[in-house]
Amino acid sequence: SKLDPKRRKRINARLEEGFSVAELCKAISGAKYDPWLMGKNPSNKRYDGIETILRDAAQVEKLRDLDDNEHAKAIAAGKYSATTARNLDTLQRWAGGGDNGAPF
């Protein structure tokens, strides 16, 4: 993709909010673990443009965190379903281990 003024503006807006370049890169990498953005949605359309990935602070935080989330990676790889991921997350929190994203 070409770095046009609209994309540059989106990147600069996130940088001005205090995100580092590394965090923005992690958000871009993490987008591949978001099924909706990767086309698993009713229109089967990918929403993987920089405008969407860096839409706002909440989106950047969500996608940045997906890059380190083993559950999200396992779902994206077809290892288990989103329901199984939620069940693992609940079990880990119940067991007092918190959730660092690693399945047990």
PDB file of N, CA and C in Angstrom:
ATOM      1  N   SER A   1       0.827  -1.190   0.000  1.00  0.00           N
ATOM      2  CA  SER A   1       0.000   0.000   0.000  1.00  0.00           C
ATOM      3  C   SER A   1       0.865   1.245   0.000  1.00  0.00           C
ATOM      4  N   LYS A   2       0.346   2.252  -0.579  1.00  0.00           N
ATOM      5  CA  LYS A   2       1.028   3.533  -0.662  1.00  0.00           C
ATOM      6  C   LYS A   2       0.766   4.333   0.618  1.00  0.00           C
ATOM      7  N   LEU A   3       1.783   5.014   1.108  1.00  0.00           N
ATOM      8  CA  LEU A   3       1.633   5.854   2.294  1.00  0.00           C
ATOM      9  C   LEU A   3       1.092   7.209   1.848  1.00  0.00           C
ATOM     10  N   ASP A   4      -0.233   7.272   1.746  1.00  0.00           N
ATOM     11  CA  ASP A   4      -0.878   8.510   1.312  1.00  0.00           C
ATOM     12  C   ASP A   4      -1.148   9.410   2.523  1.00  0.00           C
ATOM     13  N   PRO A   5      -1.596  10.640   2.298  1.00  0.00           N
ATOM     14  CA  PRO A   5      -1.829  11.566   3.414  1.00  0.00           C
ATOM     15  C   PRO A   5      -2.819  11.036   4.461  1.00  0.00           C
ATOM     16  N   LYS A   6      -3.844  10.326   4.034  1.00  0.00           N
ATOM     17  CA  LYS A   6      -4.838   9.784   4.974  1.00  0.00           C
ATOM     18  C   LYS A   6      -4.200   8.750   5.901  1.00  0.00           C
ATOM     19  N   ARG A   7      -3.395   7.863   5.350  1.00  0.00           N
ATOM     20  CA  ARG A   7      -2.715   6.847   6.159  1.00  0.00           C
ATOM     21  C   ARG A   7      -1.669   7.491   7.071  1.00  0.00           C
ATOM     22  N   ARG A   8      -0.933   8.435   6.545  1.00  0.00           N
ATOM     23  CA  ARG A   8       0.071   9.139   7.338  1.00  0.00           C
ATOM     24  C   ARG A   8      -0.598   9.839   8.530  1.00  0.00           C
ATOM     25  N   LYS A   9      -1.748  10.446   8.284  1.00  0.00           N
ATOM     26  CA  LYS A   9      -2.495  11.135   9.346  1.00  0.00           C
ATOM     27  C   LYS A   9      -2.904  10.156  10.448  1.00  0.00           C
ATOM     28  N   ARG A  10      -3.352   8.966  10.047  1.00  0.00           N
ATOM     29  CA  ARG A  10      -3.774   7.952  11.019  1.00  0.00           C
ATOM     30  C   ARG A  10      -2.588   7.504  11.871  1.00  0.00           C
ATOM     31  N   ILE A  11      -1.454   7.267  11.255  1.00  0.00           N
ATOM     32  CA  ILE A  11      -0.242   6.855  11.976  1.00  0.00           C
ATOM     33  C   ILE A  11       0.196   7.963  12.934  1.00  0.00           C
ATOM     34  N   ASN A  12       0.247   9.190  12.451  1.00  0.00           N
ATOM     35  CA  ASN A  12       0.671  10.310  13.289  1.00  0.00           C
ATOM     36  C   ASN A  12      -0.276  10.535  14.462  1.00  0.00           C
ATOM     37  N   ALA A  13      -1.561  10.337  14.243  1.00  0.00           N
ATOM     38  CA  ALA A  13      -2.532  10.503  15.331  1.00  0.00           C
ATOM     39  C   ALA A  13      -2.252   9.515  16.460  1.00  0.00           C
ATOM     40  N   ARG A  14      -1.949   8.266  16.120  1.00  0.00           N
ATOM     41  CA  ARG A  14      -1.657   7.272  17.161  1.00  0.00           C
ATOM     42  C   ARG A  14      -0.325   7.583  17.852  1.00  0.00           C
ATOM     43  N   LEU A  15       0.663   8.026  17.091  1.00  0.00           N
ATOM     44  CA  LEU A  15       1.944   8.402  17.688  1.00  0.00           C
ATOM     45  C   LEU A  15       1.765   9.571  18.653  1.00  0.00           C
ATOM     46  N   GLU A  16       0.938  10.542  18.266  1.00  0.00           N
ATOM     47  CA  GLU A  16       0.666  11.692  19.130  1.00  0.00           C
ATOM     48  C   GLU A  16      -0.067  11.289  20.403  1.00  0.00           C
ATOM     49  N   GLU A  17      -0.802  10.180  20.364  1.00  0.00           N
ATOM     50  CA  GLU A  17      -1.489   9.680  21.557  1.00  0.00           C
ATOM     51  C   GLU A  17      -0.530   8.966  22.506  1.00  0.00           C
ATOM     52  N   GLY A  18       0.704   8.779  22.057  1.00  0.00           N
ATOM     53  CA  GLY A  18       1.706   8.178  22.925  1.00  0.00           C
ATOM     54  C   GLY A  18       2.080   6.747  22.599  1.00  0.00           C
ATOM     55  N   PHE A  19       1.510   6.183  21.558  1.00  0.00           N
ATOM     56  CA  PHE A  19       1.902   4.845  21.149  1.00  0.00           C
ATOM     57  C   PHE A  19       3.287   4.910  20.513  1.00  0.00           C
ATOM     58  N   SER A  20       4.086   3.897  20.762  1.00  0.00           N
ATOM     59  CA  SER A  20       5.406   3.834  20.138  1.00  0.00           C
ATOM     60  C   SER A  20       5.282   3.192  18.757  1.00  0.00           C
ATOM     61  N   VAL A  21       6.321   3.344  17.978  1.00  0.00           N
ATOM     62  CA  VAL A  21       6.360   2.695  16.663  1.00  0.00           C
ATOM     63  C   VAL A  21       6.253   1.181  16.853  1.00  0.00           C
ATOM     64  N   ALA A  22       6.937   0.650  17.868  1.00  0.00           N
ATOM     65  CA  ALA A  22       6.892  -0.799  18.136  1.00  0.00           C
ATOM     66  C   ALA A  22       5.468  -1.249  18.455  1.00  0.00           C
ATOM     67  N   GLU A  23       4.725  -0.456  19.222  1.00  0.00           N
ATOM     68  CA  GLU A  23       3.340  -0.829  19.544  1.00  0.00           C
ATOM     69  C   GLU A  23       2.463  -0.818  18.293  1.00  0.00           C
ATOM     70  N   LEU A  24       2.664   0.146  17.431  1.00  0.00           N
ATOM     71  CA  LEU A  24       1.888   0.190  16.194  1.00  0.00           C
ATOM     72  C   LEU A  24       2.220  -1.008  15.312  1.00  0.00           C
ATOM     73  N   CYS A  25       3.487  -1.384  15.277  1.00  0.00           N
ATOM     74  CA  CYS A  25       3.884  -2.572  14.509  1.00  0.00           C
ATOM     75  C   CYS A  25       3.256  -3.827  15.095  1.00  0.00           C
ATOM     76  N   LYS A  26       3.206  -3.924  16.430  1.00  0.00           N
ATOM     77  CA  LYS A  26       2.570  -5.085  17.069  1.00  0.00           C
ATOM     78  C   LYS A  26       1.074  -5.124  16.746  1.00  0.00           C
ATOM     79  N   ALA A  27       0.438  -3.960  16.689  1.00  0.00           N
ATOM     80  CA  ALA A  27      -0.986  -3.905  16.336  1.00  0.00           C
ATOM     81  C   ALA A  27      -1.193  -4.411  14.912  1.00  0.00           C
ATOM     82  N   ILE A  28      -0.314  -4.011  14.015  1.00  0.00           N
ATOM     83  CA  ILE A  28      -0.416  -4.466  12.623  1.00  0.00           C
ATOM     84  C   ILE A  28      -0.216  -5.979  12.564  1.00  0.00           C
ATOM     85  N   SER A  29       0.749  -6.498  13.309  1.00  0.00           N
ATOM     86  CA  SER A  29       0.974  -7.952  13.347  1.00  0.00           C
ATOM     87  C   SER A  29      -0.188  -8.669  14.010  1.00  0.00           C
ATOM     88  N   GLY A  30      -0.728  -8.081  15.059  1.00  0.00           N
ATOM     89  CA  GLY A  30      -1.828  -8.702  15.792  1.00  0.00           C
ATOM     90  C   GLY A  30      -3.119  -8.772  15.007  1.00  0.00           C
ATOM     91  N   ALA A  31      -3.273  -7.907  14.007  1.00  0.00           N
ATOM     92  CA  ALA A  31      -4.508  -7.900  13.213  1.00  0.00           C
ATOM     93  C   ALA A  31      -4.770  -9.248  12.559  1.00  0.00           C
ATOM     94  N   LYS A  32      -3.718  -9.984  12.243  1.00  0.00           N
ATOM     95  CA  LYS A  32      -3.923 -11.275  11.574  1.00  0.00           C
ATOM     96  C   LYS A  32      -4.593 -12.305  12.491  1.00  0.00           C
ATOM     97  N   TYR A  33      -4.659 -12.001  13.790  1.00  0.00           N
ATOM     98  CA  TYR A  33      -5.311 -12.908  14.730  1.00  0.00           C
ATOM     99  C   TYR A  33      -6.739 -12.482  15.058  1.00  0.00           C
ATOM    100  N   ASP A  34      -7.220 -11.452  14.399  1.00  0.00           N
ATOM    101  CA  ASP A  34      -8.606 -11.011  14.573  1.00  0.00           C
ATOM    102  C   ASP A  34      -9.420 -11.578  13.415  1.00  0.00           C
ATOM    103  N   PRO A  35     -10.236 -12.596  13.692  1.00  0.00           N
ATOM    104  CA  PRO A  35     -10.973 -13.250  12.601  1.00  0.00           C
ATOM    105  C   PRO A  35     -11.830 -12.284  11.779  1.00  0.00           C
ATOM    106  N   TRP A  36     -12.482 -11.335  12.433  1.00  0.00           N
ATOM    107  CA  TRP A  36     -13.354 -10.401  11.713  1.00  0.00           C
ATOM    108  C   TRP A  36     -12.548  -9.601  10.696  1.00  0.00           C
ATOM    109  N   LEU A  37     -11.418  -9.072  11.141  1.00  0.00           N
ATOM    110  CA  LEU A  37     -10.592  -8.276  10.234  1.00  0.00           C
ATOM    111  C   LEU A  37     -10.023  -9.106   9.097  1.00  0.00           C
ATOM    112  N   MET A  38      -9.823 -10.391   9.340  1.00  0.00           N
ATOM    113  CA  MET A  38      -9.249 -11.270   8.318  1.00  0.00           C
ATOM    114  C   MET A  38     -10.289 -11.894   7.402  1.00  0.00           C
ATOM    115  N   GLY A  39     -11.539 -11.439   7.507  1.00  0.00           N
ATOM    116  CA  GLY A  39     -12.555 -11.873   6.549  1.00  0.00           C
ATOM    117  C   GLY A  39     -13.556 -12.884   7.050  1.00  0.00           C
ATOM    118  N   LYS A  40     -13.474 -13.266   8.322  1.00  0.00           N
ATOM    119  CA  LYS A  40     -14.484 -14.182   8.864  1.00  0.00           C
ATOM    120  C   LYS A  40     -15.625 -13.339   9.412  1.00  0.00           C
ATOM    121  N   ASN A  41     -16.375 -12.769   8.484  1.00  0.00           N
ATOM    122  CA  ASN A  41     -17.499 -11.898   8.792  1.00  0.00           C
ATOM    123  C   ASN A  41     -18.555 -12.131   7.722  1.00  0.00           C
ATOM    124  N   PRO A  42     -19.764 -11.620   7.925  1.00  0.00           N
ATOM    125  CA  PRO A  42     -20.845 -11.906   6.967  1.00  0.00           C
ATOM    126  C   PRO A  42     -20.533 -11.564   5.516  1.00  0.00           C
ATOM    127  N   SER A  43     -19.723 -10.542   5.284  1.00  0.00           N
ATOM    128  CA  SER A  43     -19.424 -10.164   3.897  1.00  0.00           C
ATOM    129  C   SER A  43     -18.176 -10.844   3.355  1.00  0.00           C
ATOM    130  N   ASN A  44     -17.490 -11.630   4.204  1.00  0.00           N
ATOM    131  CA  ASN A  44     -16.240 -12.287   3.815  1.00  0.00           C
ATOM    132  C   ASN A  44     -15.210 -11.293   3.279  1.00  0.00           C
ATOM    133  N   LYS A  45     -15.261 -10.077   3.796  1.00  0.00           N
ATOM    134  CA  LYS A  45     -14.363  -9.012   3.355  1.00  0.00           C
ATOM    135  C   LYS A  45     -13.273  -8.801   4.400  1.00  0.00           C
ATOM    136  N   ARG A  46     -12.048  -8.656   3.936  1.00  0.00           N
ATOM    137  CA  ARG A  46     -10.930  -8.366   4.841  1.00  0.00           C
ATOM    138  C   ARG A  46     -10.917  -6.873   5.146  1.00  0.00           C
ATOM    139  N   TYR A  47     -10.693  -6.571   6.403  1.00  0.00           N
ATOM    140  CA  TYR A  47     -10.562  -5.190   6.860  1.00  0.00           C
ATOM    141  C   TYR A  47      -9.173  -5.044   7.468  1.00  0.00           C
ATOM    142  N   ASP A  48      -8.169  -5.135   6.633  1.00  0.00           N
ATOM    143  CA  ASP A  48      -6.798  -5.162   7.129  1.00  0.00           C
ATOM    144  C   ASP A  48      -5.982  -3.949   6.687  1.00  0.00           C
ATOM    145  N   GLY A  49      -6.666  -2.884   6.326  1.00  0.00           N
ATOM    146  CA  GLY A  49      -5.970  -1.659   5.949  1.00  0.00           C
ATOM    147  C   GLY A  49      -5.488  -0.902   7.176  1.00  0.00           C
ATOM    148  N   ILE A  50      -4.476  -0.096   7.000  1.00  0.00           N
ATOM    149  CA  ILE A  50      -3.901   0.672   8.096  1.00  0.00           C
ATOM    150  C   ILE A  50      -4.947   1.597   8.709  1.00  0.00           C
ATOM    151  N   GLU A  51      -5.905   2.056   7.897  1.00  0.00           N
ATOM    152  CA  GLU A  51      -6.954   2.939   8.395  1.00  0.00           C
ATOM    153  C   GLU A  51      -7.801   2.240   9.448  1.00  0.00           C
ATOM    154  N   THR A  52      -8.039   0.954   9.269  1.00  0.00           N
ATOM    155  CA  THR A  52      -8.836   0.177  10.208  1.00  0.00           C
ATOM    156  C   THR A  52      -7.998  -0.276  11.394  1.00  0.00           C
ATOM    157  N   ILE A  53      -6.815  -0.776  11.124  1.00  0.00           N
ATOM    158  CA  ILE A  53      -5.955  -1.295  12.192  1.00  0.00           C
ATOM    159  C   ILE A  53      -5.592  -0.200  13.186  1.00  0.00           C
ATOM    160  N   LEU A  54      -5.318   0.991  12.682  1.00  0.00           N
ATOM    161  CA  LEU A  54      -4.932   2.104  13.551  1.00  0.00           C
ATOM    162  C   LEU A  54      -6.073   3.110  13.719  1.00  0.00           C
ATOM    163  N   ARG A  55      -7.303   2.618  13.646  1.00  0.00           N
ATOM    164  CA  ARG A  55      -8.499   3.474  13.694  1.00  0.00           C
ATOM    165  C   ARG A  55      -8.527   4.399  14.907  1.00  0.00           C
ATOM    166  N   ASP A  56      -8.285   3.832  16.090  1.00  0.00           N
ATOM    167  CA  ASP A  56      -8.294   4.619  17.320  1.00  0.00           C
ATOM    168  C   ASP A  56      -7.476   3.885  18.369  1.00  0.00           C
ATOM    169  N   ALA A  57      -7.333   4.508  19.530  1.00  0.00           N
ATOM    170  CA  ALA A  57      -6.491   3.932  20.581  1.00  0.00           C
ATOM    171  C   ALA A  57      -6.992   2.553  21.012  1.00  0.00           C
ATOM    172  N   ALA A  58      -8.289   2.407  21.164  1.00  0.00           N
ATOM    173  CA  ALA A  58      -8.842   1.119  21.608  1.00  0.00           C
ATOM    174  C   ALA A  58      -8.523   0.006  20.614  1.00  0.00           C
ATOM    175  N   GLN A  59      -8.617   0.310  19.334  1.00  0.00           N
ATOM    176  CA  GLN A  59      -8.311  -0.690  18.306  1.00  0.00           C
ATOM    177  C   GLN A  59      -6.830  -1.076  18.358  1.00  0.00           C
ATOM    178  N   VAL A  60      -5.960  -0.082  18.500  1.00  0.00           N
ATOM    179  CA  VAL A  60      -4.526  -0.349  18.575  1.00  0.00           C
ATOM    180  C   VAL A  60      -4.218  -1.222  19.781  1.00  0.00           C
ATOM    181  N   GLU A  61      -4.787  -0.894  20.928  1.00  0.00           N
ATOM    182  CA  GLU A  61      -4.541  -1.684  22.147  1.00  0.00           C
ATOM    183  C   GLU A  61      -5.020  -3.114  21.976  1.00  0.00           C
ATOM    184  N   LYS A  62      -6.213  -3.275  21.422  1.00  0.00           N
ATOM    185  CA  LYS A  62      -6.770  -4.619  21.220  1.00  0.00           C
ATOM    186  C   LYS A  62      -5.875  -5.453  20.299  1.00  0.00           C
ATOM    187  N   LEU A  63      -5.500  -4.895  19.178  1.00  0.00           N
ATOM    188  CA  LEU A  63      -4.704  -5.648  18.204  1.00  0.00           C
ATOM    189  C   LEU A  63      -3.274  -5.846  18.680  1.00  0.00           C
ATOM    190  N   ARG A  64      -2.714  -4.867  19.347  1.00  0.00           N
ATOM    191  CA  ARG A  64      -1.366  -5.001  19.921  1.00  0.00           C
ATOM    192  C   ARG A  64      -1.338  -6.181  20.889  1.00  0.00           C
ATOM    193  N   ASP A  65      -2.371  -6.283  21.726  1.00  0.00           N
ATOM    194  CA  ASP A  65      -2.428  -7.357  22.711  1.00  0.00           C
ATOM    195  C   ASP A  65      -2.682  -8.718  22.071  1.00  0.00           C
ATOM    196  N   LEU A  66      -3.381  -8.736  20.937  1.00  0.00           N
ATOM    197  CA  LEU A  66      -3.606 -10.008  20.237  1.00  0.00           C
ATOM    198  C   LEU A  66      -2.295 -10.604  19.746  1.00  0.00           C
ATOM    199  N   ASP A  67      -1.321  -9.771  19.439  1.00  0.00           N
ATOM    200  CA  ASP A  67      -0.053 -10.266  18.913  1.00  0.00           C
ATOM    201  C   ASP A  67       0.670 -11.159  19.911  1.00  0.00           C
ATOM    202  N   ASP A  68       0.395 -10.982  21.208  1.00  0.00           N
ATOM    203  CA  ASP A  68       1.030 -11.796  22.248  1.00  0.00           C
ATOM    204  C   ASP A  68       0.076 -12.822  22.856  1.00  0.00           C
ATOM    205  N   ASN A  69      -1.119 -12.945  22.314  1.00  0.00           N
ATOM    206  CA  ASN A  69      -2.142 -13.791  22.913  1.00  0.00           C
ATOM    207  C   ASN A  69      -2.142 -15.179  22.267  1.00  0.00           C
ATOM    208  N   GLU A  70      -1.732 -16.160  23.041  1.00  0.00           N
ATOM    209  CA  GLU A  70      -1.649 -17.531  22.524  1.00  0.00           C
ATOM    210  C   GLU A  70      -3.021 -18.093  22.164  1.00  0.00           C
ATOM    211  N   HIS A  71      -4.070 -17.689  22.888  1.00  0.00           N
ATOM    212  CA  HIS A  71      -5.422 -18.141  22.547  1.00  0.00           C
ATOM    213  C   HIS A  71      -5.808 -17.646  21.153  1.00  0.00           C
ATOM    214  N   ALA A  72      -5.578 -16.362  20.901  1.00  0.00           N
ATOM    215  CA  ALA A  72      -5.924 -15.787  19.597  1.00  0.00           C
ATOM    216  C   ALA A  72      -5.147 -16.476  18.482  1.00  0.00           C
ATOM    217  N   LYS A  73      -3.896 -16.763  18.734  1.00  0.00           N
ATOM    218  CA  LYS A  73      -3.077 -17.443  17.728  1.00  0.00           C
ATOM    219  C   LYS A  73      -3.582 -18.856  17.472  1.00  0.00           C
ATOM    220  N   ALA A  74      -3.988 -19.554  18.533  1.00  0.00           N
ATOM    221  CA  ALA A  74      -4.500 -20.921  18.385  1.00  0.00           C
ATOM    222  C   ALA A  74      -5.812 -20.934  17.608  1.00  0.00           C
ATOM    223  N   ILE A  75      -6.664 -19.955  17.881  1.00  0.00           N
ATOM    224  CA  ILE A  75      -7.932 -19.856  17.142  1.00  0.00           C
ATOM    225  C   ILE A  75      -7.647 -19.587  15.672  1.00  0.00           C
ATOM    226  N   ALA A  76      -6.759 -18.624  15.400  1.00  0.00           N
ATOM    227  CA  ALA A  76      -6.423 -18.274  14.013  1.00  0.00           C
ATOM    228  C   ALA A  76      -5.822 -19.464  13.273  1.00  0.00           C
ATOM    229  N   ALA A  77      -5.073 -20.298  13.988  1.00  0.00           N
ATOM    230  CA  ALA A  77      -4.448 -21.472  13.371  1.00  0.00           C
ATOM    231  C   ALA A  77      -5.410 -22.658  13.280  1.00  0.00           C
ATOM    232  N   GLY A  78      -6.637 -22.495  13.788  1.00  0.00           N
ATOM    233  CA  GLY A  78      -7.631 -23.565  13.738  1.00  0.00           C
ATOM    234  C   GLY A  78      -7.410 -24.646  14.778  1.00  0.00           C
ATOM    235  N   LYS A  79      -6.606 -24.368  15.810  1.00  0.00           N
ATOM    236  CA  LYS A  79      -6.333 -25.373  16.838  1.00  0.00           C
ATOM    237  C   LYS A  79      -7.530 -25.585  17.753  1.00  0.00           C
ATOM    238  N   TYR A  80      -8.243 -24.517  18.051  1.00  0.00           N
ATOM    239  CA  TYR A  80      -9.493 -24.649  18.794  1.00  0.00           C
ATOM    240  C   TYR A  80     -10.370 -23.436  18.559  1.00  0.00           C
ATOM    241  N   SER A  81     -11.622 -23.566  18.991  1.00  0.00           N
ATOM    242  CA  SER A  81     -12.613 -22.532  18.710  1.00  0.00           C
ATOM    243  C   SER A  81     -12.529 -21.381  19.708  1.00  0.00           C
ATOM    244  N   ALA A  82     -13.237 -20.320  19.390  1.00  0.00           N
ATOM    245  CA  ALA A  82     -13.312 -19.175  20.294  1.00  0.00           C
ATOM    246  C   ALA A  82     -13.984 -19.576  21.605  1.00  0.00           C
ATOM    247  N   THR A  83     -14.938 -20.488  21.544  1.00  0.00           N
ATOM    248  CA  THR A  83     -15.604 -20.960  22.763  1.00  0.00           C
ATOM    249  C   THR A  83     -14.604 -21.674  23.657  1.00  0.00           C
ATOM    250  N   THR A  84     -13.783 -22.523  23.091  1.00  0.00           N
ATOM    251  CA  THR A  84     -12.751 -23.212  23.868  1.00  0.00           C
ATOM    252  C   THR A  84     -11.784 -22.202  24.477  1.00  0.00           C
ATOM    253  N   ALA A  85     -11.412 -21.186  23.717  1.00  0.00           N
ATOM    254  CA  ALA A  85     -10.514 -20.151  24.236  1.00  0.00           C
ATOM    255  C   ALA A  85     -11.144 -19.450  25.434  1.00  0.00           C
ATOM    256  N   ARG A  86     -12.429 -19.113  25.331  1.00  0.00           N
ATOM    257  CA  ARG A  86     -13.114 -18.460  26.465  1.00  0.00           C
ATOM    258  C   ARG A  86     -13.160 -19.391  27.663  1.00  0.00           C
ATOM    259  N   ASN A  87     -13.419 -20.672  27.429  1.00  0.00           N
ATOM    260  CA  ASN A  87     -13.453 -21.635  28.536  1.00  0.00           C
ATOM    261  C   ASN A  87     -12.080 -21.758  29.204  1.00  0.00           C
ATOM    262  N   LEU A  88     -11.024 -21.808  28.415  1.00  0.00           N
ATOM    263  CA  LEU A  88      -9.671 -21.864  28.980  1.00  0.00           C
ATOM    264  C   LEU A  88      -9.368 -20.613  29.788  1.00  0.00           C
ATOM    265  N   ASP A  89      -9.753 -19.474  29.259  1.00  0.00           N
ATOM    266  CA  ASP A  89      -9.536 -18.210  29.952  1.00  0.00           C
ATOM    267  C   ASP A  89     -10.269 -18.209  31.295  1.00  0.00           C
ATOM    268  N   THR A  90     -11.519 -18.614  31.286  1.00  0.00           N
ATOM    269  CA  THR A  90     -12.312 -18.666  32.520  1.00  0.00           C
ATOM    270  C   THR A  90     -11.693 -19.619  33.525  1.00  0.00           C
ATOM    271  N   LEU A  91     -11.273 -20.778  33.078  1.00  0.00           N
ATOM    272  CA  LEU A  91     -10.668 -21.770  33.960  1.00  0.00           C
ATOM    273  C   LEU A  91      -9.358 -21.247  34.555  1.00  0.00           C
ATOM    274  N   GLN A  92      -8.555 -20.603  33.746  1.00  0.00           N
ATOM    275  CA  GLN A  92      -7.291 -20.062  34.249  1.00  0.00           C
ATOM    276  C   GLN A  92      -7.540 -18.980  35.296  1.00  0.00           C
ATOM    277  N   ARG A  93      -8.525 -18.100  35.046  1.00  0.00           N
ATOM    278  CA  ARG A  93      -8.824 -17.066  36.034  1.00  0.00           C
ATOM    279  C   ARG A  93      -9.390 -17.686  37.304  1.00  0.00           C
ATOM    280  N   TRP A  94     -10.236 -18.692  37.171  1.00  0.00           N
ATOM    281  CA  TRP A  94     -10.819 -19.366  38.322  1.00  0.00           C
ATOM    282  C   TRP A  94      -9.730 -20.051  39.151  1.00  0.00           C
ATOM    283  N   ALA A  95      -8.752 -20.621  38.470  1.00  0.00           N
ATOM    284  CA  ALA A  95      -7.669 -21.320  39.163  1.00  0.00           C
ATOM    285  C   ALA A  95      -6.677 -20.344  39.790  1.00  0.00           C
ATOM    286  N   GLY A  96      -6.878 -19.059  39.560  1.00  0.00           N
ATOM    287  CA  GLY A  96      -6.025 -18.049  40.167  1.00  0.00           C
ATOM    288  C   GLY A  96      -4.756 -17.759  39.420  1.00  0.00           C
ATOM    289  N   GLY A  97      -4.650 -18.312  38.245  1.00  0.00           N
ATOM    290  CA  GLY A  97      -3.425 -18.115  37.482  1.00  0.00           C
ATOM    291  C   GLY A  97      -3.431 -16.879  36.610  1.00  0.00           C
ATOM    292  N   GLY A  98      -4.556 -16.153  36.605  1.00  0.00           N
ATOM    293  CA  GLY A  98      -4.633 -15.026  35.683  1.00  0.00           C
ATOM    294  C   GLY A  98      -4.669 -15.529  34.264  1.00  0.00           C
ATOM    295  N   ASP A  99      -4.419 -14.656  33.341  1.00  0.00           N
ATOM    296  CA  ASP A  99      -4.349 -15.094  31.953  1.00  0.00           C
ATOM    297  C   ASP A  99      -3.250 -14.346  31.248  1.00  0.00           C
ATOM    298  N   ASN A 100      -2.189 -15.065  30.983  1.00  0.00           N
ATOM    299  CA  ASN A 100      -1.090 -14.475  30.236  1.00  0.00           C
ATOM    300  C   ASN A 100      -1.188 -14.831  28.761  1.00  0.00           C
ATOM    301  N   GLY A 101      -2.313 -15.444  28.384  1.00  0.00           N
ATOM    302  CA  GLY A 101      -2.522 -15.817  26.983  1.00  0.00           C
ATOM    303  C   GLY A 101      -2.067 -17.208  26.647  1.00  0.00           C
ATOM    304  N   ALA A 102      -1.304 -17.850  27.544  1.00  0.00           N
ATOM    305  CA  ALA A 102      -0.804 -19.201  27.270  1.00  0.00           C
ATOM    306  C   ALA A 102      -1.799 -20.232  27.773  1.00  0.00           C
ATOM    307  N   PRO A 103      -2.168 -21.191  26.940  1.00  0.00           N
ATOM    308  CA  PRO A 103      -3.092 -22.228  27.398  1.00  0.00           C
ATOM    309  C   PRO A 103      -2.369 -23.179  28.358  1.00  0.00           C
ATOM    310  N   PHE A 104      -2.652 -23.029  29.609  1.00  0.00           N
ATOM    311  CA  PHE A 104      -2.056 -23.810  30.689  1.00  0.00           C
ATOM    312  C   PHE A 104      -0.600 -23.947  30.431  1.00  0.00           C
TER     313      PHE A 104
END
